[in-house]
Amino acid sequence: MGPFAIIVLVIVAAVAAFMAYKIWITKKNGIETMAVVSNITEETTMDSDGSNTSYTYYVRYTTSDGVQQEAKIANMGFKKGPEIGDRIKIKYLPEKPNAAVWIR
């Protein structure tokens, strides 16, 4: 493995760790509320193991100060979850209410 590949690997690992940290902080310190699934997008990718389908969920909810918000919640797995119109539990940070985390 060359130095360029190692640098790319380190950058990818750092981004993944940062995203995991942000999710952890939101789950730990966020405000819990119910949201309605407003849209679902599906993306299929091909790799050496075949095709993989991932789903991104869009939800609408009202913050604790009464503001309507919409957020995109990426599903970390490849399994489809709730349907449009379903109510799900989320958490968000007051300083960034349009970034929600799905609480399963």
C-alpha atoms as a PDB file:
ATOM      1  CA  MET A   1       0.000   0.000   0.000  1.00  0.00           C
ATOM      2  CA  GLY A   2       1.478   3.318  -1.068  1.00  0.00           C
ATOM      3  CA  PRO A   3       1.653   6.539   0.962  1.00  0.00           C
ATOM      4  CA  PHE A   4      -1.281   8.085  -0.921  1.00  0.00           C
ATOM      5  CA  ALA A   5      -3.546   5.140  -0.019  1.00  0.00           C
ATOM      6  CA  ILE A   6      -2.516   5.399   3.628  1.00  0.00           C
ATOM      7  CA  ILE A   7      -3.303   9.132   3.671  1.00  0.00           C
ATOM      8  CA  VAL A   8      -6.731   8.493   2.133  1.00  0.00           C
ATOM      9  CA  LEU A   9      -7.408   5.747   4.673  1.00  0.00           C
ATOM     10  CA  VAL A  10      -6.472   8.045   7.560  1.00  0.00           C
ATOM     11  CA  ILE A  11      -8.733  10.821   6.228  1.00  0.00           C
ATOM     12  CA  VAL A  12     -11.670   8.424   5.788  1.00  0.00           C
ATOM     13  CA  ALA A  13     -11.152   7.045   9.307  1.00  0.00           C
ATOM     14  CA  ALA A  14     -10.987  10.570  10.757  1.00  0.00           C
ATOM     15  CA  VAL A  15     -14.220  11.617   9.018  1.00  0.00           C
ATOM     16  CA  ALA A  16     -15.993   8.450  10.211  1.00  0.00           C
ATOM     17  CA  ALA A  17     -14.778   9.018  13.780  1.00  0.00           C
ATOM     18  CA  PHE A  18     -15.941  12.653  13.698  1.00  0.00           C
ATOM     19  CA  MET A  19     -19.395  11.658  12.409  1.00  0.00           C
ATOM     20  CA  ALA A  20     -19.705   8.963  15.086  1.00  0.00           C
ATOM     21  CA  TYR A  21     -18.724  11.521  17.734  1.00  0.00           C
ATOM     22  CA  LYS A  22     -21.377  13.998  16.527  1.00  0.00           C
ATOM     23  CA  ILE A  23     -24.040  11.272  16.638  1.00  0.00           C
ATOM     24  CA  TRP A  24     -22.934  10.236  20.134  1.00  0.00           C
ATOM     25  CA  ILE A  25     -23.070  13.861  21.392  1.00  0.00           C
ATOM     26  CA  THR A  26     -26.553  14.342  19.918  1.00  0.00           C
ATOM     27  CA  LYS A  27     -27.827  11.087  21.453  1.00  0.00           C
ATOM     28  CA  LYS A  28     -26.301  11.996  24.815  1.00  0.00           C
ATOM     29  CA  ASN A  29     -27.228  15.704  25.038  1.00  0.00           C
ATOM     30  CA  GLY A  30     -30.038  16.142  22.499  1.00  0.00           C
ATOM     31  CA  ILE A  31     -33.675  16.984  23.024  1.00  0.00           C
ATOM     32  CA  GLU A  32     -35.940  14.023  22.346  1.00  0.00           C
ATOM     33  CA  THR A  33     -39.082  14.446  20.260  1.00  0.00           C
ATOM     34  CA  MET A  34     -41.250  12.599  17.770  1.00  0.00           C
ATOM     35  CA  ALA A  35     -40.877  13.183  14.033  1.00  0.00           C
ATOM     36  CA  VAL A  36     -42.850  12.117  10.971  1.00  0.00           C
ATOM     37  CA  VAL A  37     -41.040  10.466   8.065  1.00  0.00           C
ATOM     38  CA  SER A  38     -41.708  12.811   5.146  1.00  0.00           C
ATOM     39  CA  ASN A  39     -39.623  11.208   2.390  1.00  0.00           C
ATOM     40  CA  ILE A  40     -37.332   8.242   1.753  1.00  0.00           C
ATOM     41  CA  THR A  41     -34.676   8.042  -0.942  1.00  0.00           C
ATOM     42  CA  GLU A  42     -33.060   4.817  -2.060  1.00  0.00           C
ATOM     43  CA  GLU A  43     -29.552   4.441  -3.471  1.00  0.00           C
ATOM     44  CA  THR A  44     -28.119   1.242  -4.910  1.00  0.00           C
ATOM     45  CA  THR A  45     -24.369   0.884  -5.310  1.00  0.00           C
ATOM     46  CA  MET A  46     -22.338  -1.904  -6.860  1.00  0.00           C
ATOM     47  CA  ASP A  47     -19.177  -3.375  -5.378  1.00  0.00           C
ATOM     48  CA  SER A  48     -17.248  -6.642  -5.543  1.00  0.00           C
ATOM     49  CA  ASP A  49     -19.893  -8.336  -3.354  1.00  0.00           C
ATOM     50  CA  GLY A  50     -22.782  -7.302  -5.595  1.00  0.00           C
ATOM     51  CA  SER A  51     -25.311  -4.538  -5.107  1.00  0.00           C
ATOM     52  CA  ASN A  52     -26.089  -2.759  -1.843  1.00  0.00           C
ATOM     53  CA  THR A  53     -29.120  -0.570  -1.238  1.00  0.00           C
ATOM     54  CA  SER A  54     -29.090   2.174   1.375  1.00  0.00           C
ATOM     55  CA  TYR A  55     -31.939   4.419   2.464  1.00  0.00           C
ATOM     56  CA  THR A  56     -31.967   8.049   3.558  1.00  0.00           C
ATOM     57  CA  TYR A  57     -34.905   9.273   5.625  1.00  0.00           C
ATOM     58  CA  TYR A  58     -36.254  12.818   5.767  1.00  0.00           C
ATOM     59  CA  VAL A  59     -38.283  13.771   8.827  1.00  0.00           C
ATOM     60  CA  ARG A  60     -40.349  16.744   9.969  1.00  0.00           C
ATOM     61  CA  TYR A  61     -40.739  17.744  13.579  1.00  0.00           C
ATOM     62  CA  THR A  62     -41.352  20.682  15.889  1.00  0.00           C
ATOM     63  CA  THR A  63     -38.541  21.897  18.149  1.00  0.00           C
ATOM     64  CA  SER A  64     -39.066  22.700  21.813  1.00  0.00           C
ATOM     65  CA  ASP A  65     -39.436  26.393  20.906  1.00  0.00           C
ATOM     66  CA  GLY A  66     -42.217  25.634  18.385  1.00  0.00           C
ATOM     67  CA  VAL A  67     -40.229  25.906  15.137  1.00  0.00           C
ATOM     68  CA  GLN A  68     -40.974  23.425  12.340  1.00  0.00           C
ATOM     69  CA  GLN A  69     -37.827  21.650  11.140  1.00  0.00           C
ATOM     70  CA  GLU A  70     -36.941  19.139   8.445  1.00  0.00           C
ATOM     71  CA  ALA A  71     -33.836  16.963   8.688  1.00  0.00           C
ATOM     72  CA  LYS A  72     -32.131  14.227   6.714  1.00  0.00           C
ATOM     73  CA  ILE A  73     -31.296  11.087   8.647  1.00  0.00           C
ATOM     74  CA  ALA A  74     -29.051   8.595   6.901  1.00  0.00           C
ATOM     75  CA  ASN A  75     -29.648   4.973   7.820  1.00  0.00           C
ATOM     76  CA  MET A  76     -26.332   3.474   8.867  1.00  0.00           C
ATOM     77  CA  GLY A  77     -27.327   0.013   7.673  1.00  0.00           C
ATOM     78  CA  PHE A  78     -28.731  -1.374   4.471  1.00  0.00           C
ATOM     79  CA  LYS A  79     -32.033  -2.440   5.991  1.00  0.00           C
ATOM     80  CA  LYS A  80     -35.166  -0.478   5.194  1.00  0.00           C
ATOM     81  CA  GLY A  81     -36.938   0.900   8.241  1.00  0.00           C
ATOM     82  CA  PRO A  82     -40.082   2.982   8.666  1.00  0.00           C
ATOM     83  CA  GLU A  83     -42.387   4.122   5.879  1.00  0.00           C
ATOM     84  CA  ILE A  84     -43.490   7.628   4.862  1.00  0.00           C
ATOM     85  CA  GLY A  85     -45.958   8.923   7.446  1.00  0.00           C
ATOM     86  CA  ASP A  86     -44.573   6.802  10.296  1.00  0.00           C
ATOM     87  CA  ARG A  87     -43.680   8.531  13.562  1.00  0.00           C
ATOM     88  CA  ILE A  88     -40.172   7.908  14.864  1.00  0.00           C
ATOM     89  CA  LYS A  89     -38.242   9.068  17.917  1.00  0.00           C
ATOM     90  CA  ILE A  90     -35.356  11.478  17.264  1.00  0.00           C
ATOM     91  CA  LYS A  91     -32.972  13.739  19.159  1.00  0.00           C
ATOM     92  CA  TYR A  92     -31.542  17.088  18.063  1.00  0.00           C
ATOM     93  CA  LEU A  93     -29.274  19.711  19.598  1.00  0.00           C
ATOM     94  CA  PRO A  94     -30.851  23.133  20.292  1.00  0.00           C
ATOM     95  CA  GLU A  95     -27.943  24.893  18.553  1.00  0.00           C
ATOM     96  CA  LYS A  96     -28.389  22.765  15.423  1.00  0.00           C
ATOM     97  CA  PRO A  97     -32.044  21.748  15.251  1.00  0.00           C
ATOM     98  CA  ASN A  98     -31.942  20.701  11.597  1.00  0.00           C
ATOM     99  CA  ALA A  99     -29.468  17.886  12.350  1.00  0.00           C
ATOM    100  CA  ALA A 100     -31.399  15.062  13.949  1.00  0.00           C
ATOM    101  CA  VAL A 101     -30.446  11.563  15.036  1.00  0.00           C
ATOM    102  CA  TRP A 102     -32.833   8.631  14.864  1.00  0.00           C
ATOM    103  CA  ILE A 103     -33.262   6.958  18.265  1.00  0.00           C
ATOM    104  CA  ARG A 104     -34.064   3.293  17.751  1.00  0.00           C
END
